Amino acid sequence: CVDDDVKKWCREYSVIFDYTQGAEIKKSNIYNCKEVVYRNFEMPFGEDLALIKLTRKVVDRTPVQIAKTAVHMGEKLSMIGYPLGIPQK
């Protein structure tokens, strides 16, 4: 969901960890964007991905491992998010 104007997006939006609709947001879970390192949005069925550098280090969780090869039939796959923008990511 990162717009074409990545510099504006980075100034106007923050990343919030552990957000769920209706839940209280902890200040410690709010991270500001420093830079959009990579962005590609190819609709309707292409890549929809952004890599965002934050202004401070995230210390209380393990980063997601990103595959460097294609997924093959029968392999386990996890997915985060939803194309219509539900509030838990």
Protein backbone atom coordinates (compact mmCIF):
# COMPACT_ATOMS: atom_id res chain seq x y z
CA CYS A 1 0.00 0.00 0.00
CA VAL A 2 2.95 2.34 -0.51
CA ASP A 3 2.00 5.08 -3.00
CA ASP A 4 4.07 6.11 -6.02
CA ASP A 5 5.27 9.18 -4.10
CA VAL A 6 7.41 7.18 -1.66
CA LYS A 7 8.99 10.24 0.02
CA LYS A 8 5.56 11.68 0.84
CA TRP A 9 4.35 8.24 2.01
CA CYS A 10 7.35 7.94 4.31
CA ARG A 11 6.67 11.37 5.89
CA GLU A 12 2.94 10.76 6.38
CA TYR A 13 2.71 7.14 7.55
CA SER A 14 4.10 5.05 10.39
CA VAL A 15 4.43 1.31 10.95
CA ILE A 16 2.53 -0.03 13.98
CA PHE A 17 3.35 -3.51 15.28
CA ASP A 18 0.70 -5.72 16.91
CA TYR A 19 -2.20 -3.55 15.74
CA THR A 20 -5.70 -5.03 15.76
CA GLN A 21 -8.93 -3.16 15.20
CA GLY A 22 -10.19 -1.59 18.42
CA ALA A 23 -7.04 -2.36 20.42
CA GLU A 24 -5.03 0.23 22.32
CA ILE A 25 -1.87 1.22 20.45
CA LYS A 26 1.33 1.21 22.52
CA LYS A 27 3.66 4.11 21.74
CA SER A 28 6.60 1.68 21.82
CA ASN A 29 5.03 -0.22 18.85
CA ILE A 30 4.97 2.86 16.57
CA TYR A 31 7.90 3.13 14.17
CA ASN A 32 8.51 5.96 11.73
CA CYS A 33 9.64 5.42 8.16
CA LYS A 34 13.19 6.51 7.35
CA GLU A 35 13.26 5.35 3.73
CA VAL A 36 11.34 3.18 1.29
CA VAL A 37 14.18 0.94 0.11
CA TYR A 38 12.15 -1.02 -2.45
CA ARG A 39 8.61 -0.78 -3.78
CA ASN A 40 6.84 -2.67 -6.54
CA PHE A 41 3.09 -2.70 -7.10
CA GLU A 42 1.90 -4.65 -10.14
CA MET A 43 -1.86 -5.13 -10.06
CA PRO A 44 -3.96 -7.13 -10.39
CA PHE A 45 -1.86 -10.28 -9.81
CA GLY A 46 1.77 -9.21 -9.78
CA GLU A 47 4.14 -8.29 -6.98
CA ASP A 48 2.81 -6.05 -4.19
CA LEU A 49 5.81 -5.49 -1.96
CA ALA A 50 7.59 -2.70 -0.11
CA LEU A 51 10.77 -2.85 1.96
CA ILE A 52 10.82 0.00 4.48
CA LYS A 53 13.78 1.14 6.59
CA LEU A 54 12.63 2.39 9.99
CA THR A 55 14.09 5.23 12.07
CA ARG A 56 14.94 2.92 14.97
CA LYS A 57 15.89 -0.71 15.41
CA VAL A 58 13.15 -3.23 16.17
CA VAL A 59 14.45 -5.35 19.05
CA ASP A 60 11.52 -7.39 20.39
CA ARG A 61 10.80 -9.71 17.45
CA THR A 62 12.49 -11.94 14.90
CA PRO A 63 12.56 -10.75 11.26
CA VAL A 64 10.64 -12.77 8.69
CA GLN A 65 12.83 -14.92 6.47
CA ILE A 66 12.34 -14.05 2.80
CA ALA A 67 12.78 -16.85 0.26
CA LYS A 68 15.29 -16.35 -2.50
CA THR A 69 13.80 -19.08 -4.70
CA ALA A 70 10.35 -19.81 -6.11
CA VAL A 71 7.79 -21.75 -4.09
CA HIS A 72 7.23 -25.29 -5.36
CA MET A 73 4.07 -27.38 -5.29
CA GLY A 74 3.62 -28.99 -1.86
CA GLU A 75 5.81 -26.50 0.06
CA LYS A 76 4.35 -24.69 3.06
CA LEU A 77 3.52 -21.03 2.49
CA SER A 78 2.53 -18.24 4.89
CA MET A 79 0.79 -15.03 3.88
CA ILE A 80 0.24 -11.77 5.76
CA GLY A 81 -2.30 -9.15 4.82
CA TYR A 82 -5.30 -9.14 2.54
CA PRO A 83 -5.82 -7.39 -0.80
CA LEU A 84 -8.84 -5.40 0.43
CA GLY A 85 -6.94 -3.87 3.36
CA ILE A 86 -8.31 -5.51 6.49
CA PRO A 87 -6.94 -3.80 9.61
CA GLN A 88 -4.65 -6.56 10.85
CA LYS A 89 -1.44 -6.97 8.92
